[in-house]
Amino acid sequence: MKHVPFRASLGAGILALALGACGGGGGTTTSTPATQPPAPAAAITAVGAGNLVIHPSIDTRFCCAMEAPLRLTETGGGNADWNFVRMQVIKNGAEIERFELGATSISAAGYTRVSANSNNVRVPMLRLNSQDFDRIDLTLGFTDIKDARQFTVAVPFNSFTDVALSLTPASVPDEGHEAPAH
């Protein structure tokens, strides 16, 4: 009888146990592919549509009121409800101020629905208190009508033409409102 070194026989034994634990190989397994959620029907992009206009605030608790003209374009052929406009003021990488218009304010301004294949400019009025910041992030929130899926759209800040200063004081109620027509 030929002797097999202990290490080799131990290794072969472990390999045999491992193969046995796997079901001996040779079998096939089937897996059910994960069901992906349906693609939303609405596809919305948002960009600045002109100058941001900064007004002195009538309300002394706040620095400024800011008109933010936004071009909303729907290209997916679906409808969406507009839920919010969020403005985050950032300094040194940290959020120092946030203002949000909710669905009630947006609806009061007549902007509830973004229709299929539409291309419109909307001008929400936002409240701004900080005067020393590095950037402003604008995010819009929507709900796809087809499947109630919620999604957000970032507005590139560099898509605004410029920043204009107005000497006409303005005020933004706590819930915000639509900027006056010019």
N, C-alpha and C. Protein backbone atom coordinates (compact mmCIF):
# COMPACT_ATOMS: atom_id res chain seq x y z
N MET A 1 0.84 -1.16 0.00
CA MET A 1 0.00 0.00 0.00
C MET A 1 0.89 1.24 0.00
N LYS A 2 0.57 2.12 -0.83
CA LYS A 2 1.35 3.35 -0.98
C LYS A 2 0.81 4.37 0.00
N HIS A 3 1.71 5.04 0.71
CA HIS A 3 1.31 6.08 1.65
C HIS A 3 1.14 7.41 0.95
N VAL A 4 0.04 8.05 1.25
CA VAL A 4 -0.22 9.40 0.75
C VAL A 4 0.07 10.34 1.90
N PRO A 5 0.83 11.40 1.65
CA PRO A 5 1.12 12.32 2.74
C PRO A 5 -0.19 12.82 3.38
N PHE A 6 -0.14 13.04 4.70
CA PHE A 6 -1.30 13.44 5.46
C PHE A 6 -1.94 14.72 4.90
N ARG A 7 -1.11 15.70 4.54
CA ARG A 7 -1.64 16.97 4.03
C ARG A 7 -2.43 16.75 2.76
N ALA A 8 -1.93 15.93 1.86
CA ALA A 8 -2.63 15.68 0.60
C ALA A 8 -3.95 14.97 0.85
N SER A 9 -3.97 13.98 1.77
CA SER A 9 -5.22 13.27 2.04
C SER A 9 -6.21 14.17 2.77
N LEU A 10 -5.73 15.06 3.65
CA LEU A 10 -6.61 16.00 4.33
C LEU A 10 -7.23 16.97 3.32
N GLY A 11 -6.39 17.46 2.41
CA GLY A 11 -6.89 18.38 1.38
C GLY A 11 -7.93 17.70 0.49
N ALA A 12 -7.69 16.44 0.11
CA ALA A 12 -8.64 15.72 -0.73
C ALA A 12 -9.93 15.48 0.03
N GLY A 13 -9.84 15.20 1.33
CA GLY A 13 -11.05 14.98 2.14
C GLY A 13 -11.89 16.24 2.25
N ILE A 14 -11.26 17.36 2.45
CA ILE A 14 -11.99 18.64 2.54
C ILE A 14 -12.65 18.95 1.22
N LEU A 15 -11.94 18.72 0.11
CA LEU A 15 -12.50 18.95 -1.22
C LEU A 15 -13.72 18.06 -1.45
N ALA A 16 -13.64 16.79 -1.04
CA ALA A 16 -14.77 15.87 -1.21
C ALA A 16 -15.96 16.32 -0.39
N LEU A 17 -15.73 16.79 0.84
CA LEU A 17 -16.83 17.28 1.66
C LEU A 17 -17.46 18.53 1.06
N ALA A 18 -16.62 19.41 0.54
CA ALA A 18 -17.13 20.64 -0.06
C ALA A 18 -17.98 20.33 -1.28
N LEU A 19 -17.53 19.41 -2.12
CA LEU A 19 -18.31 19.04 -3.31
C LEU A 19 -19.63 18.40 -2.91
N GLY A 20 -19.59 17.57 -1.88
CA GLY A 20 -20.82 16.93 -1.41
C GLY A 20 -21.81 17.97 -0.90
N ALA A 21 -21.32 19.00 -0.24
CA ALA A 21 -22.19 20.04 0.28
C ALA A 21 -22.82 20.86 -0.82
N CYS A 22 -22.19 20.88 -1.98
CA CYS A 22 -22.71 21.66 -3.10
C CYS A 22 -23.77 20.88 -3.86
N GLY A 23 -24.09 19.69 -3.44
CA GLY A 23 -25.08 18.92 -4.16
C GLY A 23 -24.45 18.04 -5.20
N GLY A 24 -23.13 17.93 -5.18
CA GLY A 24 -22.44 17.03 -6.08
C GLY A 24 -22.27 17.56 -7.47
N GLY A 25 -22.65 18.77 -7.74
CA GLY A 25 -22.49 19.33 -9.08
C GLY A 25 -23.44 18.66 -10.05
N GLY A 26 -23.38 19.03 -11.28
CA GLY A 26 -24.17 18.40 -12.31
C GLY A 26 -25.59 18.90 -12.38
N GLY A 27 -26.12 19.45 -11.32
CA GLY A 27 -27.49 19.97 -11.35
C GLY A 27 -27.50 21.39 -11.90
N THR A 28 -28.61 21.80 -12.39
CA THR A 28 -28.72 23.17 -12.87
C THR A 28 -29.67 23.92 -11.96
N THR A 29 -29.40 25.18 -11.78
CA THR A 29 -30.28 26.01 -10.98
C THR A 29 -30.89 27.05 -11.89
N THR A 30 -32.09 27.39 -11.60
CA THR A 30 -32.76 28.44 -12.35
C THR A 30 -33.10 29.55 -11.36
N SER A 31 -32.95 30.76 -11.83
CA SER A 31 -33.32 31.88 -10.98
C SER A 31 -34.31 32.75 -11.74
N THR A 32 -35.22 33.28 -11.00
CA THR A 32 -36.21 34.17 -11.58
C THR A 32 -35.60 35.55 -11.66
N PRO A 33 -35.58 36.16 -12.85
CA PRO A 33 -35.02 37.50 -12.94
C PRO A 33 -35.85 38.49 -12.13
N ALA A 34 -35.16 39.45 -11.53
CA ALA A 34 -35.84 40.47 -10.73
C ALA A 34 -36.71 41.31 -11.64
N THR A 35 -37.91 41.61 -11.19
CA THR A 35 -38.82 42.45 -11.96
C THR A 35 -38.43 43.90 -11.73
N GLN A 36 -38.16 44.60 -12.79
CA GLN A 36 -37.79 46.01 -12.71
C GLN A 36 -39.05 46.86 -12.72
N PRO A 37 -39.04 47.98 -11.99
CA PRO A 37 -40.21 48.85 -12.04
C PRO A 37 -40.36 49.44 -13.44
N PRO A 38 -41.57 49.73 -13.84
CA PRO A 38 -41.76 50.28 -15.17
C PRO A 38 -41.09 51.65 -15.29
N ALA A 39 -40.63 51.94 -16.46
CA ALA A 39 -40.02 53.26 -16.70
C ALA A 39 -41.12 54.32 -16.55
N PRO A 40 -40.80 55.43 -15.91
CA PRO A 40 -41.83 56.47 -15.79
C PRO A 40 -42.22 56.99 -17.17
N ALA A 41 -43.46 57.37 -17.29
CA ALA A 41 -43.92 57.90 -18.57
C ALA A 41 -43.41 59.32 -18.77
N ALA A 42 -43.31 60.08 -17.71
CA ALA A 42 -42.88 61.47 -17.81
C ALA A 42 -41.36 61.57 -17.72
N ALA A 43 -40.78 62.38 -18.59
CA ALA A 43 -39.34 62.67 -18.57
C ALA A 43 -39.20 64.19 -18.60
N ILE A 44 -38.80 64.76 -17.48
CA ILE A 44 -38.77 66.22 -17.36
C ILE A 44 -37.34 66.71 -17.18
N THR A 45 -37.01 67.75 -17.92
CA THR A 45 -35.76 68.47 -17.70
C THR A 45 -36.12 69.88 -17.25
N ALA A 46 -35.23 70.49 -16.50
CA ALA A 46 -35.45 71.85 -16.01
C ALA A 46 -34.15 72.62 -16.12
N VAL A 47 -34.24 73.81 -16.68
CA VAL A 47 -33.09 74.71 -16.80
C VAL A 47 -33.54 76.12 -16.47
N GLY A 48 -32.56 76.96 -16.16
CA GLY A 48 -32.86 78.36 -15.96
C GLY A 48 -33.35 78.98 -17.26
N ALA A 49 -34.28 79.92 -17.15
CA ALA A 49 -34.86 80.55 -18.34
C ALA A 49 -34.72 82.06 -18.23
N GLY A 50 -33.49 82.52 -18.13
CA GLY A 50 -33.24 83.95 -18.01
C GLY A 50 -32.47 84.26 -16.75
N ASN A 51 -32.61 85.49 -16.29
CA ASN A 51 -31.90 85.96 -15.10
C ASN A 51 -32.61 85.56 -13.82
N LEU A 52 -31.83 85.24 -12.79
CA LEU A 52 -32.36 85.22 -11.44
C LEU A 52 -32.53 86.68 -11.06
N VAL A 53 -33.65 87.05 -10.48
CA VAL A 53 -33.88 88.45 -10.12
C VAL A 53 -34.01 88.53 -8.60
N ILE A 54 -33.11 89.31 -8.01
CA ILE A 54 -33.06 89.47 -6.56
C ILE A 54 -33.74 90.79 -6.20
N HIS A 55 -34.73 90.72 -5.30
CA HIS A 55 -35.46 91.89 -4.82
C HIS A 55 -35.15 92.09 -3.35
N PRO A 56 -35.09 93.34 -2.87
CA PRO A 56 -35.02 93.52 -1.42
C PRO A 56 -36.33 93.00 -0.82
N SER A 57 -36.24 92.45 0.37
CA SER A 57 -37.42 91.87 1.00
C SER A 57 -38.24 92.92 1.72
N ILE A 58 -39.54 92.87 1.53
CA ILE A 58 -40.44 93.74 2.30
C ILE A 58 -40.44 93.28 3.76
N ASP A 59 -40.37 91.99 3.96
CA ASP A 59 -40.35 91.40 5.30
C ASP A 59 -38.93 91.52 5.85
N THR A 60 -38.75 92.28 6.93
CA THR A 60 -37.42 92.54 7.47
C THR A 60 -36.76 91.30 8.07
N ARG A 61 -37.50 90.18 8.23
CA ARG A 61 -36.88 88.96 8.75
C ARG A 61 -35.99 88.30 7.69
N PHE A 62 -36.15 88.70 6.44
CA PHE A 62 -35.42 88.06 5.35
C PHE A 62 -34.66 89.09 4.54
N CYS A 63 -33.59 88.64 3.93
CA CYS A 63 -32.74 89.51 3.12
C CYS A 63 -33.41 89.84 1.78
N CYS A 64 -33.81 88.80 1.09
CA CYS A 64 -34.22 88.99 -0.31
C CYS A 64 -35.36 88.06 -0.71
N ALA A 65 -36.00 88.45 -1.79
CA ALA A 65 -36.92 87.57 -2.50
C ALA A 65 -36.26 87.34 -3.86
N MET A 66 -36.35 86.13 -4.36
CA MET A 66 -35.64 85.80 -5.61
C MET A 66 -36.59 85.13 -6.60
N GLU A 67 -36.70 85.73 -7.77
CA GLU A 67 -37.44 85.11 -8.87
C GLU A 67 -36.48 84.14 -9.56
N ALA A 68 -36.95 82.92 -9.78
CA ALA A 68 -36.12 81.90 -10.44
C ALA A 68 -36.88 81.35 -11.65
N PRO A 69 -36.72 81.98 -12.82
CA PRO A 69 -37.44 81.50 -14.00
C PRO A 69 -36.91 80.13 -14.43
N LEU A 70 -37.83 79.17 -14.56
CA LEU A 70 -37.48 77.79 -14.88
C LEU A 70 -38.18 77.34 -16.15
N ARG A 71 -37.43 76.75 -17.07
CA ARG A 71 -38.03 76.13 -18.25
C ARG A 71 -38.17 74.64 -17.97
N LEU A 72 -39.42 74.18 -17.94
CA LEU A 72 -39.72 72.76 -17.72
C LEU A 72 -40.12 72.15 -19.06
N THR A 73 -39.41 71.12 -19.46
CA THR A 73 -39.68 70.45 -20.73
C THR A 73 -39.95 68.98 -20.46
N GLU A 74 -41.11 68.50 -20.91
CA GLU A 74 -41.47 67.09 -20.77
C GLU A 74 -41.30 66.43 -22.14
N THR A 75 -40.46 65.39 -22.21
CA THR A 75 -40.15 64.75 -23.50
C THR A 75 -40.53 63.28 -23.56
N GLY A 76 -41.04 62.71 -22.49
CA GLY A 76 -41.35 61.28 -22.47
C GLY A 76 -42.76 60.94 -22.90
N GLY A 77 -43.61 61.96 -23.08
CA GLY A 77 -44.99 61.71 -23.46
C GLY A 77 -45.89 61.38 -22.29
N GLY A 78 -45.46 61.70 -21.07
CA GLY A 78 -46.27 61.42 -19.89
C GLY A 78 -46.57 62.69 -19.12
N ASN A 79 -47.47 62.58 -18.18
CA ASN A 79 -47.85 63.71 -17.33
C ASN A 79 -47.28 63.51 -15.93
N ALA A 80 -46.99 64.62 -15.27
CA ALA A 80 -46.48 64.55 -13.90
C ALA A 80 -47.06 65.70 -13.09
N ASP A 81 -47.24 65.45 -11.80
CA ASP A 81 -47.62 66.51 -10.88
C ASP A 81 -46.37 67.07 -10.24
N TRP A 82 -46.33 68.39 -10.12
CA TRP A 82 -45.18 69.09 -9.56
C TRP A 82 -45.39 69.21 -8.05
N ASN A 83 -44.50 68.61 -7.27
CA ASN A 83 -44.67 68.53 -5.82
C ASN A 83 -43.92 69.60 -5.02
N PHE A 84 -42.70 69.94 -5.45
CA PHE A 84 -41.95 70.92 -4.66
C PHE A 84 -40.84 71.57 -5.49
N VAL A 85 -40.40 72.73 -4.99
CA VAL A 85 -39.18 73.42 -5.43
C VAL A 85 -38.35 73.59 -4.17
N ARG A 86 -37.15 73.05 -4.17
CA ARG A 86 -36.29 73.15 -2.99
C ARG A 86 -35.04 73.96 -3.36
N MET A 87 -34.76 74.98 -2.55
CA MET A 87 -33.55 75.77 -2.72
C MET A 87 -32.66 75.51 -1.51
N GLN A 88 -31.43 75.06 -1.77
CA GLN A 88 -30.46 74.84 -0.71
C GLN A 88 -29.31 75.81 -0.93
N VAL A 89 -28.99 76.58 0.10
CA VAL A 89 -27.89 77.54 0.04
C VAL A 89 -26.70 76.88 0.73
N ILE A 90 -25.57 76.82 0.00
CA ILE A 90 -24.40 76.07 0.45
C ILE A 90 -23.21 77.02 0.66
N LYS A 91 -22.51 76.81 1.77
CA LYS A 91 -21.25 77.52 2.04
C LYS A 91 -20.25 76.51 2.58
N ASN A 92 -19.07 76.49 2.00
CA ASN A 92 -18.01 75.56 2.40
C ASN A 92 -18.50 74.11 2.45
N GLY A 93 -19.33 73.74 1.50
CA GLY A 93 -19.81 72.37 1.39
C GLY A 93 -20.95 72.00 2.33
N ALA A 94 -21.41 72.93 3.16
CA ALA A 94 -22.48 72.64 4.11
C ALA A 94 -23.71 73.49 3.80
N GLU A 95 -24.89 72.88 3.95
CA GLU A 95 -26.13 73.62 3.77
C GLU A 95 -26.30 74.59 4.92
N ILE A 96 -26.49 75.88 4.60
CA ILE A 96 -26.68 76.88 5.65
C ILE A 96 -28.10 77.43 5.66
N GLU A 97 -28.83 77.16 4.58
CA GLU A 97 -30.22 77.63 4.51
C GLU A 97 -30.97 76.76 3.52
N ARG A 98 -32.27 76.57 3.80
CA ARG A 98 -33.13 75.81 2.88
C ARG A 98 -34.50 76.49 2.85
N PHE A 99 -35.03 76.60 1.65
CA PHE A 99 -36.39 77.10 1.47
C PHE A 99 -37.09 76.18 0.49
N GLU A 100 -38.32 75.85 0.80
CA GLU A 100 -39.05 74.92 -0.06
C GLU A 100 -40.47 75.40 -0.29
N LEU A 101 -40.86 75.38 -1.56
CA LEU A 101 -42.26 75.59 -1.92
C LEU A 101 -42.88 74.21 -2.07
N GLY A 102 -43.99 73.98 -1.41
CA GLY A 102 -44.66 72.69 -1.50
C GLY A 102 -45.73 72.66 -2.57
N ALA A 103 -46.39 71.52 -2.67
CA ALA A 103 -47.41 71.30 -3.69
C ALA A 103 -48.57 72.29 -3.56
N THR A 104 -48.92 72.69 -2.35
CA THR A 104 -50.02 73.63 -2.16
C THR A 104 -49.70 74.97 -2.79
N SER A 105 -48.48 75.47 -2.57
CA SER A 105 -48.07 76.75 -3.16
C SER A 105 -47.97 76.67 -4.67
N ILE A 106 -47.44 75.57 -5.15
CA ILE A 106 -47.29 75.39 -6.60
C ILE A 106 -48.67 75.31 -7.25
N SER A 107 -49.58 74.60 -6.62
CA SER A 107 -50.94 74.49 -7.13
C SER A 107 -51.64 75.85 -7.12
N ALA A 108 -51.45 76.63 -6.04
CA ALA A 108 -52.07 77.95 -5.95
C ALA A 108 -51.60 78.87 -7.08
N ALA A 109 -50.38 78.63 -7.56
CA ALA A 109 -49.86 79.43 -8.68
C ALA A 109 -50.32 78.89 -10.03
N GLY A 110 -51.08 77.78 -10.02
CA GLY A 110 -51.60 77.22 -11.26
C GLY A 110 -50.67 76.26 -11.97
N TYR A 111 -49.72 75.70 -11.24
CA TYR A 111 -48.70 74.86 -11.87
C TYR A 111 -48.75 73.40 -11.46
N THR A 112 -49.88 72.89 -11.09
CA THR A 112 -49.95 71.53 -10.58
C THR A 112 -49.40 70.50 -11.55
N ARG A 113 -49.82 70.53 -12.78
CA ARG A 113 -49.52 69.47 -13.74
C ARG A 113 -48.51 69.93 -14.79
N VAL A 114 -47.52 69.06 -15.05
CA VAL A 114 -46.63 69.25 -16.19
C VAL A 114 -47.15 68.27 -17.24
N SER A 115 -47.67 68.80 -18.32
CA SER A 115 -48.33 67.98 -19.34
C SER A 115 -47.34 67.32 -20.27
N ALA A 116 -47.80 66.24 -20.89
CA ALA A 116 -47.00 65.50 -21.86
C ALA A 116 -46.56 66.43 -22.98
N ASN A 117 -45.31 66.29 -23.38
CA ASN A 117 -44.72 67.02 -24.51
C ASN A 117 -44.84 68.54 -24.37
N SER A 118 -44.79 69.03 -23.14
CA SER A 118 -44.91 70.48 -22.91
C SER A 118 -43.54 71.11 -22.76
N ASN A 119 -43.51 72.43 -22.95
CA ASN A 119 -42.30 73.22 -22.83
C ASN A 119 -42.74 74.59 -22.33
N ASN A 120 -42.66 74.82 -21.02
CA ASN A 120 -43.17 76.05 -20.42
C ASN A 120 -42.17 76.66 -19.46
N VAL A 121 -42.27 77.98 -19.32
CA VAL A 121 -41.47 78.70 -18.33
C VAL A 121 -42.37 79.01 -17.14
N ARG A 122 -41.90 78.67 -15.96
CA ARG A 122 -42.58 78.98 -14.71
C ARG A 122 -41.61 79.77 -13.84
N VAL A 123 -42.14 80.72 -13.06
CA VAL A 123 -41.26 81.61 -12.28
C VAL A 123 -41.66 81.58 -10.81
N PRO A 124 -41.16 80.61 -10.07
CA PRO A 124 -41.44 80.63 -8.62
C PRO A 124 -40.64 81.73 -7.93
N MET A 125 -41.21 82.26 -6.88
CA MET A 125 -40.54 83.27 -6.05
C MET A 125 -40.06 82.56 -4.79
N LEU A 126 -38.78 82.70 -4.50
CA LEU A 126 -38.16 82.03 -3.37
C LEU A 126 -37.66 83.05 -2.37
N ARG A 127 -37.54 82.65 -1.13
CA ARG A 127 -37.04 83.54 -0.09
C ARG A 127 -35.58 83.19 0.19
N LEU A 128 -34.75 84.21 0.31
CA LEU A 128 -33.32 84.02 0.54
C LEU A 128 -32.91 84.91 1.71
N ASN A 129 -32.22 84.34 2.68
CA ASN A 129 -31.80 85.12 3.84
C ASN A 129 -30.28 85.28 3.88
N SER A 130 -29.55 84.32 3.36
CA SER A 130 -28.09 84.37 3.41
C SER A 130 -27.53 85.28 2.32
N GLN A 131 -26.51 86.01 2.69
CA GLN A 131 -25.84 86.86 1.72
C GLN A 131 -24.44 86.37 1.39
N ASP A 132 -23.93 85.44 2.18
CA ASP A 132 -22.58 84.93 2.01
C ASP A 132 -22.65 83.41 1.79
N PHE A 133 -22.51 83.00 0.54
CA PHE A 133 -22.62 81.58 0.22
C PHE A 133 -21.78 81.27 -1.01
N ASP A 134 -21.53 79.98 -1.24
CA ASP A 134 -20.74 79.53 -2.39
C ASP A 134 -21.61 79.14 -3.58
N ARG A 135 -22.77 78.55 -3.29
CA ARG A 135 -23.63 78.12 -4.40
C ARG A 135 -25.05 77.93 -3.89
N ILE A 136 -25.97 77.85 -4.84
CA ILE A 136 -27.37 77.55 -4.57
C ILE A 136 -27.75 76.34 -5.41
N ASP A 137 -28.34 75.34 -4.77
CA ASP A 137 -28.84 74.16 -5.49
C ASP A 137 -30.36 74.23 -5.54
N LEU A 138 -30.91 74.08 -6.73
CA LEU A 138 -32.36 74.02 -6.91
C LEU A 138 -32.74 72.61 -7.35
N THR A 139 -33.71 72.02 -6.66
CA THR A 139 -34.19 70.69 -6.98
C THR A 139 -35.71 70.75 -7.07
N LEU A 140 -36.25 70.11 -8.10
CA LEU A 140 -37.70 70.05 -8.30
C LEU A 140 -38.16 68.62 -8.08
N GLY A 141 -39.31 68.45 -7.47
CA GLY A 141 -39.85 67.11 -7.23
C GLY A 141 -41.16 66.92 -7.97
N PHE A 142 -41.32 65.74 -8.57
CA PHE A 142 -42.50 65.42 -9.37
C PHE A 142 -43.02 64.03 -9.03
N THR A 143 -44.28 63.77 -9.37
CA THR A 143 -44.86 62.44 -9.30
C THR A 143 -45.39 62.09 -10.68
N ASP A 144 -44.93 60.96 -11.23
CA ASP A 144 -45.40 60.48 -12.52
C ASP A 144 -46.87 60.04 -12.36
N ILE A 145 -47.74 60.52 -13.24
CA ILE A 145 -49.16 60.20 -13.14
C ILE A 145 -49.42 58.73 -13.47
N LYS A 146 -48.66 58.15 -14.38
CA LYS A 146 -48.88 56.77 -14.83
C LYS A 146 -48.74 55.76 -13.69
N ASP A 147 -47.68 55.87 -12.90
CA ASP A 147 -47.44 54.85 -11.87
C ASP A 147 -47.17 55.42 -10.47
N ALA A 148 -47.40 56.71 -10.30
CA ALA A 148 -47.23 57.39 -9.00
C ALA A 148 -45.78 57.35 -8.51
N ARG A 149 -44.84 57.11 -9.41
CA ARG A 149 -43.42 57.09 -9.03
C ARG A 149 -42.93 58.53 -8.85
N GLN A 150 -42.26 58.80 -7.75
CA GLN A 150 -41.73 60.13 -7.50
C GLN A 150 -40.31 60.23 -8.01
N PHE A 151 -39.95 61.39 -8.53
CA PHE A 151 -38.60 61.61 -9.01
C PHE A 151 -38.24 63.08 -8.85
N THR A 152 -36.94 63.35 -8.84
CA THR A 152 -36.47 64.73 -8.71
C THR A 152 -35.65 65.12 -9.93
N VAL A 153 -35.59 66.41 -10.15
CA VAL A 153 -34.83 66.98 -11.26
C VAL A 153 -34.00 68.14 -10.70
N ALA A 154 -32.70 68.10 -10.93
CA ALA A 154 -31.83 69.19 -10.51
C ALA A 154 -31.81 70.26 -11.60
N VAL A 155 -31.81 71.51 -11.18
CA VAL A 155 -31.71 72.64 -12.11
C VAL A 155 -30.26 73.10 -12.10
N PRO A 156 -29.54 72.99 -13.22
CA PRO A 156 -28.15 73.45 -13.23
C PRO A 156 -28.09 74.96 -12.97
N PHE A 157 -27.37 75.35 -11.94
CA PHE A 157 -27.33 76.77 -11.59
C PHE A 157 -26.70 77.61 -12.71
N ASN A 158 -25.76 77.02 -13.43
CA ASN A 158 -25.12 77.79 -14.52
C ASN A 158 -26.03 77.93 -15.74
N SER A 159 -27.24 77.38 -15.69
CA SER A 159 -28.16 77.54 -16.82
C SER A 159 -28.92 78.86 -16.76
N PHE A 160 -28.84 79.57 -15.63
CA PHE A 160 -29.44 80.91 -15.57
C PHE A 160 -28.51 81.87 -16.29
N THR A 161 -29.10 82.81 -17.00
CA THR A 161 -28.31 83.75 -17.79
C THR A 161 -27.39 84.60 -16.92
N ASP A 162 -27.94 85.15 -15.85
CA ASP A 162 -27.18 86.05 -14.99
C ASP A 162 -27.99 86.28 -13.71
N VAL A 163 -27.51 87.16 -12.88
CA VAL A 163 -28.25 87.58 -11.70
C VAL A 163 -28.51 89.06 -11.85
N ALA A 164 -29.77 89.46 -11.75
CA ALA A 164 -30.15 90.86 -11.87
C ALA A 164 -30.69 91.34 -10.52
N LEU A 165 -30.41 92.59 -10.21
CA LEU A 165 -30.91 93.18 -8.97
C LEU A 165 -32.06 94.11 -9.30
N SER A 166 -33.12 93.98 -8.55
CA SER A 166 -34.28 94.86 -8.70
C SER A 166 -34.36 95.76 -7.48
N LEU A 167 -34.76 97.00 -7.67
CA LEU A 167 -34.95 97.91 -6.55
C LEU A 167 -36.37 97.85 -6.02
N THR A 168 -37.22 97.08 -6.68
CA THR A 168 -38.61 96.94 -6.26
C THR A 168 -38.69 95.89 -5.15
N PRO A 169 -39.08 96.30 -3.94
CA PRO A 169 -39.19 95.33 -2.86
C PRO A 169 -40.25 94.26 -3.17
N ALA A 170 -40.00 93.08 -2.68
CA ALA A 170 -40.95 91.97 -2.87
C ALA A 170 -41.00 91.17 -1.58
N SER A 171 -42.06 90.43 -1.45
CA SER A 171 -42.23 89.60 -0.28
C SER A 171 -42.68 88.21 -0.71
N VAL A 172 -42.23 87.23 0.02
CA VAL A 172 -42.62 85.86 -0.24
C VAL A 172 -43.35 85.37 1.00
N PRO A 173 -44.64 85.04 0.87
CA PRO A 173 -45.33 84.49 2.04
C PRO A 173 -44.63 83.20 2.49
N ASP A 174 -44.92 82.76 3.68
CA ASP A 174 -44.28 81.56 4.21
C ASP A 174 -44.38 80.39 3.25
N GLU A 175 -45.48 80.27 2.52
CA GLU A 175 -45.63 79.15 1.61
C GLU A 175 -45.16 79.49 0.19
N GLY A 176 -44.66 80.71 -0.04
CA GLY A 176 -44.16 81.08 -1.36
C GLY A 176 -45.28 81.40 -2.32
N HIS A 177 -44.93 81.89 -3.48
CA HIS A 177 -45.94 82.18 -4.51
C HIS A 177 -45.25 82.40 -5.85
N GLU A 178 -46.03 82.59 -6.85
CA GLU A 178 -45.57 82.87 -8.21
C GLU A 178 -45.07 84.31 -8.28
N ALA A 179 -43.98 84.50 -8.98
CA ALA A 179 -43.44 85.85 -9.16
C ALA A 179 -44.39 86.67 -10.05
N PRO A 180 -44.42 87.99 -9.85
CA PRO A 180 -45.28 88.83 -10.68
C PRO A 180 -44.82 88.83 -12.14
N ALA A 181 -45.76 88.95 -13.05
CA ALA A 181 -45.42 89.02 -14.49
C ALA A 181 -44.79 90.38 -14.77
N HIS A 182 -43.85 90.38 -15.69
CA HIS A 182 -43.16 91.63 -16.04
C HIS A 182 -43.69 92.17 -17.34
